[in-house]
N, C-alpha and C. Protein backbone atom coordinates (compact mmCIF):
# COMPACT_ATOMS: atom_id res chain seq x y z
N UNK A 1 102.12 86.91 84.19
CA UNK A 1 102.20 87.41 85.53
C UNK A 1 101.78 88.88 85.60
N UNK A 2 102.08 89.69 84.59
CA UNK A 2 101.75 91.10 84.60
C UNK A 2 100.25 91.33 84.73
N UNK A 3 99.44 90.43 84.20
CA UNK A 3 98.00 90.61 84.19
C UNK A 3 97.40 90.59 85.59
N UNK A 4 98.11 90.10 86.56
CA UNK A 4 97.59 89.98 87.91
C UNK A 4 98.08 91.09 88.84
N UNK A 5 99.00 91.93 88.35
CA UNK A 5 99.54 93.02 89.16
C UNK A 5 98.43 94.02 89.45
N UNK A 6 98.26 94.55 90.64
CA UNK A 6 99.14 94.45 91.78
C UNK A 6 98.82 93.29 92.72
N UNK A 7 97.85 92.45 92.38
CA UNK A 7 97.49 91.33 93.25
C UNK A 7 98.60 90.33 93.42
N UNK A 8 99.48 90.25 92.45
CA UNK A 8 100.66 89.40 92.51
C UNK A 8 101.83 90.22 91.98
N UNK A 9 103.04 89.94 92.43
CA UNK A 9 104.18 90.67 91.89
C UNK A 9 104.25 90.53 90.36
N UNK A 10 104.59 91.61 89.70
CA UNK A 10 104.65 91.61 88.24
C UNK A 10 106.05 91.44 87.71
N UNK A 11 106.13 91.31 86.41
CA UNK A 11 107.42 91.17 85.73
C UNK A 11 107.36 91.94 84.43
N UNK A 12 108.50 92.44 84.03
CA UNK A 12 108.60 93.12 82.74
C UNK A 12 110.00 92.95 82.21
N UNK A 13 110.15 93.08 80.92
CA UNK A 13 111.46 92.97 80.31
C UNK A 13 111.35 93.22 78.83
N UNK A 14 112.41 93.74 78.25
CA UNK A 14 112.40 94.06 76.83
C UNK A 14 112.76 92.88 75.96
N UNK A 15 113.43 91.90 76.54
CA UNK A 15 113.82 90.71 75.79
C UNK A 15 113.37 89.49 76.58
N UNK A 16 113.32 88.33 75.96
CA UNK A 16 112.96 87.12 76.72
C UNK A 16 113.88 86.89 77.93
N UNK A 17 115.15 87.19 77.78
CA UNK A 17 116.09 86.98 78.88
C UNK A 17 115.82 87.93 80.04
N UNK A 18 115.58 89.22 79.74
CA UNK A 18 115.32 90.16 80.82
C UNK A 18 113.95 89.92 81.44
N UNK A 19 112.99 89.49 80.63
CA UNK A 19 111.67 89.16 81.19
C UNK A 19 111.79 87.94 82.11
N UNK A 20 112.56 86.95 81.71
CA UNK A 20 112.73 85.74 82.53
C UNK A 20 113.37 86.09 83.87
N UNK A 21 114.36 86.96 83.85
CA UNK A 21 115.00 87.37 85.11
C UNK A 21 114.00 88.11 85.99
N UNK A 22 113.20 88.98 85.38
CA UNK A 22 112.20 89.73 86.13
C UNK A 22 111.13 88.79 86.69
N UNK A 23 110.71 87.82 85.90
CA UNK A 23 109.70 86.85 86.35
C UNK A 23 110.24 86.01 87.50
N UNK A 24 111.51 85.63 87.43
CA UNK A 24 112.13 84.86 88.53
C UNK A 24 112.13 85.69 89.82
N UNK A 25 112.46 86.97 89.70
CA UNK A 25 112.47 87.84 90.87
C UNK A 25 111.05 88.00 91.44
N UNK A 26 110.07 88.13 90.58
CA UNK A 26 108.68 88.25 91.03
C UNK A 26 108.23 86.99 91.75
N UNK A 27 108.58 85.84 91.21
CA UNK A 27 108.22 84.57 91.85
C UNK A 27 108.86 84.45 93.24
N UNK A 28 110.12 84.84 93.33
CA UNK A 28 110.82 84.77 94.61
C UNK A 28 110.21 85.72 95.63
N UNK A 29 109.71 86.85 95.17
CA UNK A 29 109.13 87.87 96.04
C UNK A 29 107.74 87.48 96.53
N UNK A 30 107.03 86.66 95.78
CA UNK A 30 105.63 86.36 96.08
C UNK A 30 105.41 85.87 97.51
N UNK A 31 106.31 85.09 98.05
CA UNK A 31 106.11 84.56 99.39
C UNK A 31 106.28 85.62 100.47
N UNK A 32 107.01 86.69 100.19
CA UNK A 32 107.25 87.75 101.17
C UNK A 32 106.30 88.93 101.01
N UNK A 33 105.53 88.93 99.96
CA UNK A 33 104.73 90.10 99.58
C UNK A 33 103.78 90.56 100.68
N UNK A 34 103.00 89.67 101.25
CA UNK A 34 102.03 90.08 102.28
C UNK A 34 102.73 90.65 103.51
N UNK A 35 103.81 90.02 103.91
CA UNK A 35 104.56 90.51 105.07
C UNK A 35 105.13 91.90 104.79
N UNK A 36 105.66 92.11 103.59
CA UNK A 36 106.23 93.41 103.24
C UNK A 36 105.13 94.48 103.12
N UNK A 37 103.96 94.10 102.61
CA UNK A 37 102.84 95.04 102.58
C UNK A 37 102.48 95.46 104.00
N UNK A 38 102.41 94.50 104.91
CA UNK A 38 102.10 94.80 106.30
C UNK A 38 103.13 95.75 106.90
N UNK A 39 104.40 95.48 106.64
CA UNK A 39 105.47 96.35 107.16
C UNK A 39 105.33 97.76 106.59
N UNK A 40 105.09 97.88 105.30
CA UNK A 40 104.94 99.19 104.67
C UNK A 40 103.74 99.94 105.25
N UNK A 41 102.61 99.24 105.40
CA UNK A 41 101.41 99.88 105.95
C UNK A 41 101.62 100.28 107.41
N UNK A 42 102.20 99.40 108.18
CA UNK A 42 102.45 99.68 109.60
C UNK A 42 103.41 100.87 109.75
N UNK A 43 104.42 100.93 108.91
CA UNK A 43 105.39 102.03 108.97
C UNK A 43 104.71 103.35 108.63
N UNK A 44 103.92 103.37 107.56
CA UNK A 44 103.21 104.60 107.20
C UNK A 44 102.22 104.99 108.29
N UNK A 45 101.56 104.01 108.88
CA UNK A 45 100.62 104.27 109.96
C UNK A 45 101.35 104.97 111.12
N UNK A 46 102.51 104.46 111.49
CA UNK A 46 103.28 105.03 112.59
C UNK A 46 103.82 106.41 112.26
N UNK A 47 104.21 106.61 111.01
CA UNK A 47 104.82 107.88 110.62
C UNK A 47 103.79 108.93 110.23
N UNK A 48 102.59 108.52 109.90
CA UNK A 48 101.56 109.44 109.44
C UNK A 48 101.64 109.66 107.95
N UNK A 49 102.77 110.07 107.48
CA UNK A 49 103.04 110.25 106.06
C UNK A 49 104.55 110.21 105.87
N UNK A 50 104.98 109.69 104.73
CA UNK A 50 106.42 109.59 104.49
C UNK A 50 106.67 109.32 103.02
N UNK A 51 107.82 109.73 102.56
CA UNK A 51 108.29 109.32 101.24
C UNK A 51 108.77 107.87 101.39
N UNK A 52 108.68 107.07 100.35
CA UNK A 52 109.11 105.68 100.47
C UNK A 52 110.52 105.51 101.04
N UNK A 53 111.45 106.35 100.64
CA UNK A 53 112.82 106.20 101.16
C UNK A 53 112.87 106.46 102.66
N UNK A 54 112.00 107.32 103.17
CA UNK A 54 111.95 107.57 104.62
C UNK A 54 111.36 106.36 105.35
N UNK A 55 110.30 105.79 104.78
CA UNK A 55 109.67 104.62 105.38
C UNK A 55 110.64 103.43 105.38
N UNK A 56 111.41 103.30 104.31
CA UNK A 56 112.40 102.23 104.24
C UNK A 56 113.42 102.39 105.37
N UNK A 57 113.89 103.60 105.58
CA UNK A 57 114.89 103.85 106.63
C UNK A 57 114.34 103.50 108.02
N UNK A 58 113.09 103.80 108.27
CA UNK A 58 112.49 103.53 109.57
C UNK A 58 112.19 102.04 109.74
N UNK A 59 111.78 101.39 108.66
CA UNK A 59 111.35 99.99 108.74
C UNK A 59 112.49 99.02 109.01
N UNK A 60 113.69 99.36 108.53
CA UNK A 60 114.82 98.45 108.66
C UNK A 60 114.86 97.37 107.58
N UNK A 61 113.94 97.44 106.62
CA UNK A 61 113.89 96.48 105.51
C UNK A 61 114.66 97.07 104.34
N UNK A 62 115.31 96.24 103.56
CA UNK A 62 116.04 96.71 102.39
C UNK A 62 115.10 97.47 101.44
N UNK A 63 115.61 98.57 100.92
CA UNK A 63 114.83 99.38 99.99
C UNK A 63 114.41 98.61 98.75
N UNK A 64 115.27 97.74 98.27
CA UNK A 64 114.94 96.98 97.05
C UNK A 64 113.76 96.04 97.28
N UNK A 65 113.52 95.65 98.52
CA UNK A 65 112.38 94.78 98.83
C UNK A 65 111.13 95.58 99.15
N UNK A 66 111.28 96.68 99.89
CA UNK A 66 110.11 97.40 100.38
C UNK A 66 109.61 98.49 99.45
N UNK A 67 110.51 99.21 98.82
CA UNK A 67 110.10 100.37 98.02
C UNK A 67 109.09 100.01 96.92
N UNK A 68 109.27 98.92 96.17
CA UNK A 68 108.28 98.58 95.14
C UNK A 68 106.90 98.25 95.70
N UNK A 69 106.83 97.86 96.96
CA UNK A 69 105.54 97.52 97.57
C UNK A 69 104.64 98.73 97.67
N UNK A 70 105.22 99.93 97.76
CA UNK A 70 104.41 101.13 97.83
C UNK A 70 103.63 101.34 96.54
N UNK A 71 104.22 101.03 95.40
CA UNK A 71 103.49 101.12 94.12
C UNK A 71 102.32 100.15 94.10
N UNK A 72 102.54 98.95 94.63
CA UNK A 72 101.46 97.96 94.70
C UNK A 72 100.34 98.44 95.63
N UNK A 73 100.72 99.03 96.75
CA UNK A 73 99.72 99.51 97.70
C UNK A 73 98.94 100.70 97.14
N UNK A 74 99.59 101.53 96.34
CA UNK A 74 98.87 102.62 95.66
C UNK A 74 97.87 102.03 94.69
N UNK A 75 98.31 101.05 93.89
CA UNK A 75 97.42 100.42 92.91
C UNK A 75 96.26 99.70 93.60
N UNK A 76 96.48 99.21 94.82
CA UNK A 76 95.44 98.53 95.59
C UNK A 76 94.50 99.51 96.29
N UNK A 77 94.80 100.81 96.22
CA UNK A 77 93.96 101.81 96.87
C UNK A 77 94.15 101.91 98.37
N UNK A 78 95.30 101.44 98.87
CA UNK A 78 95.57 101.48 100.31
C UNK A 78 96.51 102.61 100.71
N UNK A 79 97.22 103.15 99.74
CA UNK A 79 98.16 104.25 99.98
C UNK A 79 97.92 105.29 98.89
N UNK A 80 98.08 106.56 99.26
CA UNK A 80 97.88 107.64 98.29
C UNK A 80 98.91 108.73 98.51
N UNK A 81 99.23 109.49 97.45
CA UNK A 81 100.15 110.61 97.61
C UNK A 81 99.45 111.77 98.32
N UNK A 82 100.21 112.50 99.12
CA UNK A 82 99.67 113.67 99.82
C UNK A 82 99.70 114.91 98.95
N UNK A 83 100.49 114.89 97.89
CA UNK A 83 100.72 116.07 97.06
C UNK A 83 102.06 116.72 97.37
N UNK A 84 102.65 116.34 98.48
CA UNK A 84 103.96 116.85 98.87
C UNK A 84 105.05 115.97 98.27
N UNK A 85 106.23 116.56 98.06
CA UNK A 85 107.38 115.81 97.57
C UNK A 85 108.58 116.14 98.45
N UNK A 86 109.47 115.17 98.61
CA UNK A 86 110.69 115.37 99.39
C UNK A 86 111.88 114.84 98.61
N UNK A 87 113.00 115.52 98.78
CA UNK A 87 114.22 115.14 98.08
C UNK A 87 114.94 114.04 98.84
N UNK A 88 115.25 112.97 98.13
CA UNK A 88 116.01 111.87 98.70
C UNK A 88 117.46 112.32 98.82
N UNK A 89 118.02 112.35 100.02
CA UNK A 89 119.40 112.83 100.17
C UNK A 89 120.44 111.93 99.51
N UNK A 90 120.11 110.66 99.31
CA UNK A 90 121.06 109.74 98.68
C UNK A 90 121.11 109.90 97.17
N UNK A 91 119.95 110.13 96.55
CA UNK A 91 119.90 110.20 95.09
C UNK A 91 119.71 111.61 94.55
N UNK A 92 119.22 112.51 95.38
CA UNK A 92 118.92 113.87 94.94
C UNK A 92 117.60 113.97 94.19
N UNK A 93 116.92 112.84 94.00
CA UNK A 93 115.65 112.84 93.28
C UNK A 93 114.50 113.14 94.23
N UNK A 94 113.43 113.67 93.66
CA UNK A 94 112.25 114.01 94.42
C UNK A 94 111.31 112.81 94.50
N UNK A 95 110.73 112.58 95.67
CA UNK A 95 109.82 111.45 95.86
C UNK A 95 108.51 111.95 96.46
N UNK A 96 107.42 111.33 96.05
CA UNK A 96 106.10 111.67 96.59
C UNK A 96 106.00 111.22 98.04
N UNK A 97 105.38 112.05 98.84
CA UNK A 97 105.07 111.69 100.22
C UNK A 97 103.74 110.94 100.19
N UNK A 98 103.69 109.81 100.89
CA UNK A 98 102.52 108.94 100.86
C UNK A 98 101.87 108.86 102.24
N UNK A 99 100.58 108.51 102.23
CA UNK A 99 99.84 108.27 103.47
C UNK A 99 98.85 107.14 103.23
N UNK A 100 98.33 106.59 104.30
CA UNK A 100 97.31 105.56 104.18
C UNK A 100 96.00 106.19 103.72
N UNK A 101 95.25 105.46 102.93
CA UNK A 101 93.91 105.91 102.55
C UNK A 101 92.95 105.57 103.69
N UNK A 102 91.75 106.10 103.62
CA UNK A 102 90.72 105.76 104.61
C UNK A 102 90.43 104.27 104.56
N UNK A 103 90.47 103.68 103.37
CA UNK A 103 90.26 102.24 103.23
C UNK A 103 91.29 101.46 104.04
N UNK A 104 92.55 101.86 103.94
CA UNK A 104 93.61 101.18 104.68
C UNK A 104 93.42 101.37 106.17
N UNK A 105 93.10 102.59 106.57
CA UNK A 105 92.90 102.86 108.01
C UNK A 105 91.76 102.02 108.56
N UNK A 106 90.68 101.89 107.79
CA UNK A 106 89.55 101.08 108.23
C UNK A 106 89.94 99.61 108.31
N UNK A 107 90.73 99.16 107.35
CA UNK A 107 91.16 97.75 107.33
C UNK A 107 92.09 97.46 108.50
N UNK A 108 92.99 98.39 108.78
CA UNK A 108 93.94 98.21 109.87
C UNK A 108 93.21 98.32 111.21
N UNK A 109 92.27 99.24 111.31
CA UNK A 109 91.49 99.38 112.52
C UNK A 109 92.27 99.76 113.75
N UNK A 110 93.40 100.45 113.55
CA UNK A 110 94.18 100.88 114.69
C UNK A 110 95.10 99.82 115.26
N UNK A 111 95.11 98.63 114.66
CA UNK A 111 95.95 97.55 115.16
C UNK A 111 97.34 97.54 114.54
N UNK A 112 97.62 98.50 113.68
CA UNK A 112 98.92 98.50 113.00
C UNK A 112 100.00 99.02 113.90
């Protein structure tokens, strides 16, 4: 499954048991992936730029479902970092601020 990432949800694990659990989660996520990508793209489009935790808060989707989609969208060339970072008030960690690429904007065509 890893060989197809970001085109398909990936899996990783240090042991066969942890890999199996990760693969099961990836399989379960596969049916929601396109919808979650759309939500992530639409949210960034509306916000202009945002850290993933900010986009999650606006979208109303669980962070555990939406936040990993931003990594997939970066790998797909649809989202890029702005160079800015913002501190997540919940974790205290710094997160990259993201925006849509020109490719994503052209694909969306203003319909997002």
